[in-house]
């Protein structure tokens, strides 16, 4: 049995921690992670975002109405709590008066981390969270997670949501100046790994581990934007790639770890 990294919850021979760089934005992110997301997607983008964002937390569950930690955060006067959620009533960093509301407090952003289907259940069971002031983006963005089907083209992943929100907050001087690119670096590493593993399965180098694998019979081209090296020099084509040739024989079911 291979060793597991208990930070990113991957097998140590294809750990993502080498791509993670801590980001100190002065914003506190709390990820309300659906139990299915926590169990099935232990290295989903919410967990990678939490590992990257200083002072962030993951709280697992479905009904958070009686969760002691959530209630403690909501009642703490040092925070200005909001929920990252789109809508006509959602504020953005450009909204008039938002800066004054936050003044002297730490912006506390609750992020619902689940599939779109499971997110609906969290929303239904937690009206107190949804009744918080909503915050979203003023810009229009598209996800680079192009091989994953979303309800609409405007939908972005959890980690991308944090990235775009922080960029807009920084532009309005509403959080600390910081480099947000590490969020995208680890996200790209995750996408690259998944594409390389899919291609390895198609080529017969590793066994199929999902029922839906039967639908994928052609190799996918790895987009050029995923082939850029990060600040530490890790590159997908080099020996440090999480899906490098010498690791493929060891991976087998690593995409489920």
C-alpha atoms as a PDB file:
ATOM      1  CA  UNK A   1       0.000   0.000   0.000  1.00  0.00           C
ATOM      2  CA  UNK A   2       1.322   3.410  -0.978  1.00  0.00           C
ATOM      3  CA  UNK A   3       1.738   6.234   1.501  1.00  0.00           C
ATOM      4  CA  UNK A   4      -0.872   8.994   1.538  1.00  0.00           C
ATOM      5  CA  UNK A   5      -0.168  12.699   1.934  1.00  0.00           C
ATOM      6  CA  UNK A   6      -2.569  13.751   4.679  1.00  0.00           C
ATOM      7  CA  UNK A   7      -2.346  17.377   3.625  1.00  0.00           C
ATOM      8  CA  UNK A   8      -3.717  17.093   0.091  1.00  0.00           C
ATOM      9  CA  UNK A   9      -5.032  13.497   0.514  1.00  0.00           C
ATOM     10  CA  UNK A  10      -3.262  12.130  -2.512  1.00  0.00           C
ATOM     11  CA  UNK A  11      -0.776   9.309  -2.794  1.00  0.00           C
ATOM     12  CA  UNK A  12       2.647  10.763  -2.002  1.00  0.00           C
ATOM     13  CA  UNK A  13       4.021   9.729  -5.392  1.00  0.00           C
ATOM     14  CA  UNK A  14       1.574  12.131  -7.089  1.00  0.00           C
ATOM     15  CA  UNK A  15       1.040  14.696  -4.344  1.00  0.00           C
ATOM     16  CA  UNK A  16      -0.069  18.224  -5.288  1.00  0.00           C
ATOM     17  CA  UNK A  17       1.593  19.951  -2.334  1.00  0.00           C
ATOM     18  CA  UNK A  18       4.613  20.943  -4.446  1.00  0.00           C
ATOM     19  CA  UNK A  19       2.291  23.281  -6.349  1.00  0.00           C
ATOM     20  CA  UNK A  20       0.688  24.895  -3.300  1.00  0.00           C
ATOM     21  CA  UNK A  21       1.832  28.349  -2.162  1.00  0.00           C
ATOM     22  CA  UNK A  22       0.145  30.085   0.765  1.00  0.00           C
ATOM     23  CA  UNK A  23      -1.769  33.269  -0.074  1.00  0.00           C
ATOM     24  CA  UNK A  24      -2.320  35.861   2.665  1.00  0.00           C
ATOM     25  CA  UNK A  25      -5.149  38.079   1.423  1.00  0.00           C
ATOM     26  CA  UNK A  26      -6.562  39.110   4.798  1.00  0.00           C
ATOM     27  CA  UNK A  27      -9.894  37.562   3.737  1.00  0.00           C
ATOM     28  CA  UNK A  28     -11.143  34.535   5.660  1.00  0.00           C
ATOM     29  CA  UNK A  29     -12.667  31.838   3.481  1.00  0.00           C
ATOM     30  CA  UNK A  30     -14.836  29.105   4.990  1.00  0.00           C
ATOM     31  CA  UNK A  31     -15.731  26.233   2.672  1.00  0.00           C
ATOM     32  CA  UNK A  32     -19.022  24.549   3.507  1.00  0.00           C
ATOM     33  CA  UNK A  33     -18.234  21.212   1.913  1.00  0.00           C
ATOM     34  CA  UNK A  34     -20.987  18.710   1.184  1.00  0.00           C
ATOM     35  CA  UNK A  35     -20.220  15.303   2.713  1.00  0.00           C
ATOM     36  CA  UNK A  36     -20.256  13.677  -0.741  1.00  0.00           C
ATOM     37  CA  UNK A  37     -17.704  16.214  -1.983  1.00  0.00           C
ATOM     38  CA  UNK A  38     -15.516  15.480   1.033  1.00  0.00           C
ATOM     39  CA  UNK A  39     -15.723  11.710   0.513  1.00  0.00           C
ATOM     40  CA  UNK A  40     -15.595  11.371  -3.278  1.00  0.00           C
ATOM     41  CA  UNK A  41     -13.523  14.406  -4.205  1.00  0.00           C
ATOM     42  CA  UNK A  42     -10.915  14.536  -1.463  1.00  0.00           C
ATOM     43  CA  UNK A  43      -8.682  16.563  -3.734  1.00  0.00           C
ATOM     44  CA  UNK A  44     -11.418  18.693  -5.226  1.00  0.00           C
ATOM     45  CA  UNK A  45     -10.798  22.342  -5.951  1.00  0.00           C
ATOM     46  CA  UNK A  46     -12.306  23.439  -2.631  1.00  0.00           C
ATOM     47  CA  UNK A  47      -9.677  21.536  -0.683  1.00  0.00           C
ATOM     48  CA  UNK A  48      -6.881  22.846  -2.914  1.00  0.00           C
ATOM     49  CA  UNK A  49      -8.187  26.385  -2.427  1.00  0.00           C
ATOM     50  CA  UNK A  50      -8.311  25.927   1.335  1.00  0.00           C
ATOM     51  CA  UNK A  51      -4.733  24.638   1.394  1.00  0.00           C
ATOM     52  CA  UNK A  52      -3.650  27.737  -0.527  1.00  0.00           C
ATOM     53  CA  UNK A  53      -5.594  30.416   1.363  1.00  0.00           C
ATOM     54  CA  UNK A  54      -4.218  31.405   4.756  1.00  0.00           C
ATOM     55  CA  UNK A  55      -6.605  31.077   7.713  1.00  0.00           C
ATOM     56  CA  UNK A  56      -9.251  29.312   5.625  1.00  0.00           C
ATOM     57  CA  UNK A  57     -11.343  26.435   6.956  1.00  0.00           C
ATOM     58  CA  UNK A  58     -13.320  23.488   5.634  1.00  0.00           C
ATOM     59  CA  UNK A  59     -16.500  22.551   7.483  1.00  0.00           C
ATOM     60  CA  UNK A  60     -18.103  19.343   6.253  1.00  0.00           C
ATOM     61  CA  UNK A  61     -21.810  18.653   6.361  1.00  0.00           C
ATOM     62  CA  UNK A  62     -25.176  19.337   4.759  1.00  0.00           C
ATOM     63  CA  UNK A  63     -27.237  21.078   7.437  1.00  0.00           C
ATOM     64  CA  UNK A  64     -25.052  23.706   9.114  1.00  0.00           C
ATOM     65  CA  UNK A  65     -27.850  25.410  11.056  1.00  0.00           C
ATOM     66  CA  UNK A  66     -26.691  23.914  14.356  1.00  0.00           C
ATOM     67  CA  UNK A  67     -22.987  23.631  13.547  1.00  0.00           C
ATOM     68  CA  UNK A  68     -21.112  25.154  16.487  1.00  0.00           C
ATOM     69  CA  UNK A  69     -18.205  26.427  14.410  1.00  0.00           C
ATOM     70  CA  UNK A  70     -20.464  28.088  11.844  1.00  0.00           C
ATOM     71  CA  UNK A  71     -22.535  29.717  14.589  1.00  0.00           C
ATOM     72  CA  UNK A  72     -19.367  30.902  16.344  1.00  0.00           C
ATOM     73  CA  UNK A  73     -18.076  32.531  13.162  1.00  0.00           C
ATOM     74  CA  UNK A  74     -21.415  34.189  12.432  1.00  0.00           C
ATOM     75  CA  UNK A  75     -21.637  35.658  15.938  1.00  0.00           C
ATOM     76  CA  UNK A  76     -18.039  36.922  16.013  1.00  0.00           C
ATOM     77  CA  UNK A  77     -18.197  40.707  15.643  1.00  0.00           C
ATOM     78  CA  UNK A  78     -14.718  40.949  14.168  1.00  0.00           C
ATOM     79  CA  UNK A  79     -16.060  39.480  10.928  1.00  0.00           C
ATOM     80  CA  UNK A  80     -18.285  40.838   8.184  1.00  0.00           C
ATOM     81  CA  UNK A  81     -19.856  37.596   6.885  1.00  0.00           C
ATOM     82  CA  UNK A  82     -20.999  37.137   3.293  1.00  0.00           C
ATOM     83  CA  UNK A  83     -21.772  34.159   1.104  1.00  0.00           C
ATOM     84  CA  UNK A  84     -20.190  33.756  -2.309  1.00  0.00           C
ATOM     85  CA  UNK A  85     -23.309  33.325  -4.394  1.00  0.00           C
ATOM     86  CA  UNK A  86     -24.511  34.828  -7.691  1.00  0.00           C
ATOM     87  CA  UNK A  87     -27.737  36.731  -8.118  1.00  0.00           C
ATOM     88  CA  UNK A  88     -29.269  40.088  -8.916  1.00  0.00           C
ATOM     89  CA  UNK A  89     -29.014  41.043  -5.232  1.00  0.00           C
ATOM     90  CA  UNK A  90     -25.338  40.031  -4.985  1.00  0.00           C
ATOM     91  CA  UNK A  91     -22.748  42.709  -4.298  1.00  0.00           C
ATOM     92  CA  UNK A  92     -19.366  42.893  -5.970  1.00  0.00           C
ATOM     93  CA  UNK A  93     -16.141  44.605  -4.984  1.00  0.00           C
ATOM     94  CA  UNK A  94     -17.348  47.589  -7.014  1.00  0.00           C
ATOM     95  CA  UNK A  95     -20.643  47.920  -5.125  1.00  0.00           C
ATOM     96  CA  UNK A  96     -21.103  51.296  -3.518  1.00  0.00           C
ATOM     97  CA  UNK A  97     -20.909  51.188   0.270  1.00  0.00           C
ATOM     98  CA  UNK A  98     -19.402  47.705   0.591  1.00  0.00           C
ATOM     99  CA  UNK A  99     -16.001  49.026   1.607  1.00  0.00           C
ATOM    100  CA  UNK A 100     -17.569  51.058   4.434  1.00  0.00           C
ATOM    101  CA  UNK A 101     -19.526  48.046   5.666  1.00  0.00           C
ATOM    102  CA  UNK A 102     -16.347  45.980   5.910  1.00  0.00           C
ATOM    103  CA  UNK A 103     -14.252  48.791   7.401  1.00  0.00           C
ATOM    104  CA  UNK A 104     -12.560  47.672  10.631  1.00  0.00           C
ATOM    105  CA  UNK A 105     -13.660  44.080  10.177  1.00  0.00           C
ATOM    106  CA  UNK A 106     -12.344  40.994   8.425  1.00  0.00           C
ATOM    107  CA  UNK A 107     -14.295  39.917   5.381  1.00  0.00           C
ATOM    108  CA  UNK A 108     -15.589  36.386   6.041  1.00  0.00           C
ATOM    109  CA  UNK A 109     -16.597  34.574   2.856  1.00  0.00           C
ATOM    110  CA  UNK A 110     -18.662  31.393   3.081  1.00  0.00           C
ATOM    111  CA  UNK A 111     -18.231  29.241  -0.027  1.00  0.00           C
ATOM    112  CA  UNK A 112     -20.627  26.386  -0.771  1.00  0.00           C
ATOM    113  CA  UNK A 113     -18.418  23.591  -2.079  1.00  0.00           C
ATOM    114  CA  UNK A 114     -20.455  20.881  -3.750  1.00  0.00           C
ATOM    115  CA  UNK A 115     -21.724  19.698  -7.101  1.00  0.00           C
ATOM    116  CA  UNK A 116     -24.512  21.907  -8.414  1.00  0.00           C
ATOM    117  CA  UNK A 117     -27.054  19.221  -7.502  1.00  0.00           C
ATOM    118  CA  UNK A 118     -25.784  18.861  -3.922  1.00  0.00           C
ATOM    119  CA  UNK A 119     -25.373  22.626  -3.513  1.00  0.00           C
ATOM    120  CA  UNK A 120     -29.146  23.005  -3.927  1.00  0.00           C
ATOM    121  CA  UNK A 121     -29.705  20.818  -0.859  1.00  0.00           C
ATOM    122  CA  UNK A 122     -27.246  22.845   1.239  1.00  0.00           C
ATOM    123  CA  UNK A 123     -29.008  26.039   0.160  1.00  0.00           C
ATOM    124  CA  UNK A 124     -32.418  24.582   1.038  1.00  0.00           C
ATOM    125  CA  UNK A 125     -31.326  23.439   4.508  1.00  0.00           C
ATOM    126  CA  UNK A 126     -29.365  26.575   5.419  1.00  0.00           C
ATOM    127  CA  UNK A 127     -31.503  29.687   4.918  1.00  0.00           C
ATOM    128  CA  UNK A 128     -29.394  31.561   7.477  1.00  0.00           C
ATOM    129  CA  UNK A 129     -26.365  31.235   5.198  1.00  0.00           C
ATOM    130  CA  UNK A 130     -28.271  32.232   2.084  1.00  0.00           C
ATOM    131  CA  UNK A 131     -29.744  35.226   3.931  1.00  0.00           C
ATOM    132  CA  UNK A 132     -26.257  36.635   4.469  1.00  0.00           C
ATOM    133  CA  UNK A 133     -25.204  39.461   2.150  1.00  0.00           C
ATOM    134  CA  UNK A 134     -24.260  37.848  -1.153  1.00  0.00           C
ATOM    135  CA  UNK A 135     -21.028  38.639  -2.960  1.00  0.00           C
ATOM    136  CA  UNK A 136     -20.047  37.701  -6.487  1.00  0.00           C
ATOM    137  CA  UNK A 137     -18.021  39.038  -9.430  1.00  0.00           C
ATOM    138  CA  UNK A 138     -18.641  42.063 -11.592  1.00  0.00           C
ATOM    139  CA  UNK A 139     -16.638  40.505 -14.432  1.00  0.00           C
ATOM    140  CA  UNK A 140     -17.678  37.712 -16.758  1.00  0.00           C
ATOM    141  CA  UNK A 141     -15.393  34.692 -16.575  1.00  0.00           C
ATOM    142  CA  UNK A 142     -15.123  31.273 -18.167  1.00  0.00           C
ATOM    143  CA  UNK A 143     -13.663  28.227 -16.483  1.00  0.00           C
ATOM    144  CA  UNK A 144     -10.450  26.637 -17.748  1.00  0.00           C
ATOM    145  CA  UNK A 145     -11.907  23.337 -16.488  1.00  0.00           C
ATOM    146  CA  UNK A 146     -13.195  22.824 -20.038  1.00  0.00           C
ATOM    147  CA  UNK A 147     -13.454  19.035 -20.028  1.00  0.00           C
ATOM    148  CA  UNK A 148     -15.895  19.051 -17.103  1.00  0.00           C
ATOM    149  CA  UNK A 149     -19.549  19.666 -17.957  1.00  0.00           C
ATOM    150  CA  UNK A 150     -21.207  22.533 -16.067  1.00  0.00           C
ATOM    151  CA  UNK A 151     -24.839  23.716 -16.049  1.00  0.00           C
ATOM    152  CA  UNK A 152     -23.837  26.820 -18.009  1.00  0.00           C
ATOM    153  CA  UNK A 153     -20.675  28.334 -19.479  1.00  0.00           C
ATOM    154  CA  UNK A 154     -20.619  31.016 -16.756  1.00  0.00           C
ATOM    155  CA  UNK A 155     -20.089  28.384 -14.051  1.00  0.00           C
ATOM    156  CA  UNK A 156     -16.583  28.298 -12.614  1.00  0.00           C
ATOM    157  CA  UNK A 157     -14.964  25.949 -10.115  1.00  0.00           C
ATOM    158  CA  UNK A 158     -14.626  26.706  -6.394  1.00  0.00           C
ATOM    159  CA  UNK A 159     -10.942  27.569  -6.675  1.00  0.00           C
ATOM    160  CA  UNK A 160     -11.533  29.834  -9.676  1.00  0.00           C
ATOM    161  CA  UNK A 161     -14.310  31.614  -7.752  1.00  0.00           C
ATOM    162  CA  UNK A 162     -11.871  32.452  -4.970  1.00  0.00           C
ATOM    163  CA  UNK A 163      -9.273  33.568  -7.495  1.00  0.00           C
ATOM    164  CA  UNK A 164     -11.590  35.944  -9.353  1.00  0.00           C
ATOM    165  CA  UNK A 165     -13.130  37.309  -6.157  1.00  0.00           C
ATOM    166  CA  UNK A 166      -9.716  38.113  -4.664  1.00  0.00           C
ATOM    167  CA  UNK A 167      -8.553  39.767  -7.870  1.00  0.00           C
ATOM    168  CA  UNK A 168     -11.603  42.031  -7.889  1.00  0.00           C
ATOM    169  CA  UNK A 169     -11.248  42.822  -4.173  1.00  0.00           C
ATOM    170  CA  UNK A 170      -7.594  43.742  -4.685  1.00  0.00           C
ATOM    171  CA  UNK A 171      -8.469  46.015  -7.593  1.00  0.00           C
ATOM    172  CA  UNK A 172     -10.732  47.994  -5.235  1.00  0.00           C
ATOM    173  CA  UNK A 173      -8.193  47.953  -2.337  1.00  0.00           C
ATOM    174  CA  UNK A 174     -10.546  45.849  -0.220  1.00  0.00           C
ATOM    175  CA  UNK A 175      -8.031  43.187   0.756  1.00  0.00           C
ATOM    176  CA  UNK A 176      -4.286  42.783   1.124  1.00  0.00           C
ATOM    177  CA  UNK A 177      -2.165  42.927  -1.982  1.00  0.00           C
ATOM    178  CA  UNK A 178      -1.082  39.388  -2.733  1.00  0.00           C
ATOM    179  CA  UNK A 179      -0.186  37.127  -5.623  1.00  0.00           C
ATOM    180  CA  UNK A 180      -3.271  35.044  -6.402  1.00  0.00           C
ATOM    181  CA  UNK A 181      -1.670  33.049  -9.232  1.00  0.00           C
ATOM    182  CA  UNK A 182      -0.760  30.081  -6.969  1.00  0.00           C
ATOM    183  CA  UNK A 183      -4.478  29.261  -6.926  1.00  0.00           C
ATOM    184  CA  UNK A 184      -4.435  28.804 -10.678  1.00  0.00           C
ATOM    185  CA  UNK A 185      -1.078  27.023 -10.647  1.00  0.00           C
ATOM    186  CA  UNK A 186      -2.298  24.192  -8.427  1.00  0.00           C
ATOM    187  CA  UNK A 187      -5.616  24.104 -10.318  1.00  0.00           C
ATOM    188  CA  UNK A 188      -3.775  23.692 -13.622  1.00  0.00           C
ATOM    189  CA  UNK A 189      -1.654  20.926 -12.086  1.00  0.00           C
ATOM    190  CA  UNK A 190      -4.842  19.122 -11.047  1.00  0.00           C
ATOM    191  CA  UNK A 191      -6.389  19.438 -14.527  1.00  0.00           C
ATOM    192  CA  UNK A 192      -3.157  18.351 -16.183  1.00  0.00           C
ATOM    193  CA  UNK A 193      -2.958  15.309 -13.936  1.00  0.00           C
ATOM    194  CA  UNK A 194      -6.543  14.288 -14.702  1.00  0.00           C
ATOM    195  CA  UNK A 195      -6.016  14.642 -18.444  1.00  0.00           C
ATOM    196  CA  UNK A 196      -2.775  12.665 -18.319  1.00  0.00           C
ATOM    197  CA  UNK A 197      -4.455   9.904 -16.296  1.00  0.00           C
ATOM    198  CA  UNK A 198      -7.374   9.781 -18.738  1.00  0.00           C
ATOM    199  CA  UNK A 199      -4.936   9.474 -21.631  1.00  0.00           C
ATOM    200  CA  UNK A 200      -3.014   6.770 -19.769  1.00  0.00           C
ATOM    201  CA  UNK A 201      -6.243   4.781 -19.305  1.00  0.00           C
ATOM    202  CA  UNK A 202      -7.134   5.178 -22.991  1.00  0.00           C
ATOM    203  CA  UNK A 203      -3.648   3.919 -23.899  1.00  0.00           C
ATOM    204  CA  UNK A 204      -4.093   0.912 -21.597  1.00  0.00           C
ATOM    205  CA  UNK A 205      -1.219   1.922 -19.319  1.00  0.00           C
ATOM    206  CA  UNK A 206      -3.416   1.888 -16.217  1.00  0.00           C
ATOM    207  CA  UNK A 207      -6.752   0.157 -15.528  1.00  0.00           C
ATOM    208  CA  UNK A 208     -10.102   1.921 -15.651  1.00  0.00           C
ATOM    209  CA  UNK A 209     -11.464   2.823 -12.220  1.00  0.00           C
ATOM    210  CA  UNK A 210     -14.765   4.510 -13.096  1.00  0.00           C
ATOM    211  CA  UNK A 211     -17.864   3.157 -14.845  1.00  0.00           C
ATOM    212  CA  UNK A 212     -17.895   6.217 -17.124  1.00  0.00           C
ATOM    213  CA  UNK A 213     -14.360   5.507 -18.388  1.00  0.00           C
ATOM    214  CA  UNK A 214     -15.907   3.376 -21.120  1.00  0.00           C
ATOM    215  CA  UNK A 215     -17.131   6.584 -22.786  1.00  0.00           C
ATOM    216  CA  UNK A 216     -13.603   7.962 -23.165  1.00  0.00           C
ATOM    217  CA  UNK A 217     -11.816   6.165 -25.976  1.00  0.00           C
ATOM    218  CA  UNK A 218      -9.743   8.945 -27.531  1.00  0.00           C
ATOM    219  CA  UNK A 219      -6.759  10.714 -26.075  1.00  0.00           C
ATOM    220  CA  UNK A 220      -7.260  14.380 -25.228  1.00  0.00           C
ATOM    221  CA  UNK A 221      -4.756  17.039 -26.133  1.00  0.00           C
ATOM    222  CA  UNK A 222      -3.303  18.760 -23.070  1.00  0.00           C
ATOM    223  CA  UNK A 223      -3.892  22.528 -23.650  1.00  0.00           C
ATOM    224  CA  UNK A 224      -0.787  24.678 -23.947  1.00  0.00           C
ATOM    225  CA  UNK A 225      -1.763  26.829 -20.964  1.00  0.00           C
ATOM    226  CA  UNK A 226      -1.363  23.740 -18.770  1.00  0.00           C
ATOM    227  CA  UNK A 227       2.201  23.220 -19.958  1.00  0.00           C
ATOM    228  CA  UNK A 228       3.620  26.348 -18.317  1.00  0.00           C
ATOM    229  CA  UNK A 229       6.022  25.891 -15.428  1.00  0.00           C
ATOM    230  CA  UNK A 230       5.162  27.368 -12.053  1.00  0.00           C
ATOM    231  CA  UNK A 231       7.411  29.557  -9.883  1.00  0.00           C
ATOM    232  CA  UNK A 232       9.124  26.548  -8.331  1.00  0.00           C
ATOM    233  CA  UNK A 233      10.094  25.207 -11.752  1.00  0.00           C
ATOM    234  CA  UNK A 234       7.706  22.255 -11.706  1.00  0.00           C
ATOM    235  CA  UNK A 235       6.658  21.400 -15.250  1.00  0.00           C
ATOM    236  CA  UNK A 236       4.291  18.747 -16.572  1.00  0.00           C
ATOM    237  CA  UNK A 237       6.833  17.432 -19.030  1.00  0.00           C
ATOM    238  CA  UNK A 238       9.678  17.315 -16.553  1.00  0.00           C
ATOM    239  CA  UNK A 239      10.551  14.752 -13.907  1.00  0.00           C
ATOM    240  CA  UNK A 240       8.503  16.603 -11.292  1.00  0.00           C
ATOM    241  CA  UNK A 241       5.168  16.157 -13.041  1.00  0.00           C
ATOM    242  CA  UNK A 242       2.592  14.425 -10.790  1.00  0.00           C
ATOM    243  CA  UNK A 243       1.831  12.115 -13.715  1.00  0.00           C
ATOM    244  CA  UNK A 244       5.353  11.564 -14.972  1.00  0.00           C
ATOM    245  CA  UNK A 245       6.163   8.361 -16.839  1.00  0.00           C
ATOM    246  CA  UNK A 246       7.846   6.681 -13.866  1.00  0.00           C
ATOM    247  CA  UNK A 247       4.784   7.328 -11.708  1.00  0.00           C
ATOM    248  CA  UNK A 248       2.106   6.012 -14.075  1.00  0.00           C
ATOM    249  CA  UNK A 249       2.772   2.377 -13.239  1.00  0.00           C
ATOM    250  CA  UNK A 250       2.320   3.196  -9.544  1.00  0.00           C
ATOM    251  CA  UNK A 251      -0.854   5.261  -9.791  1.00  0.00           C
ATOM    252  CA  UNK A 252      -3.653   2.855 -10.766  1.00  0.00           C
ATOM    253  CA  UNK A 253      -6.430   4.127  -8.479  1.00  0.00           C
ATOM    254  CA  UNK A 254      -4.793   7.354  -7.344  1.00  0.00           C
ATOM    255  CA  UNK A 255      -7.507   9.507  -8.874  1.00  0.00           C
ATOM    256  CA  UNK A 256      -9.867   8.114  -6.234  1.00  0.00           C
ATOM    257  CA  UNK A 257      -7.512   8.803  -3.307  1.00  0.00           C
END
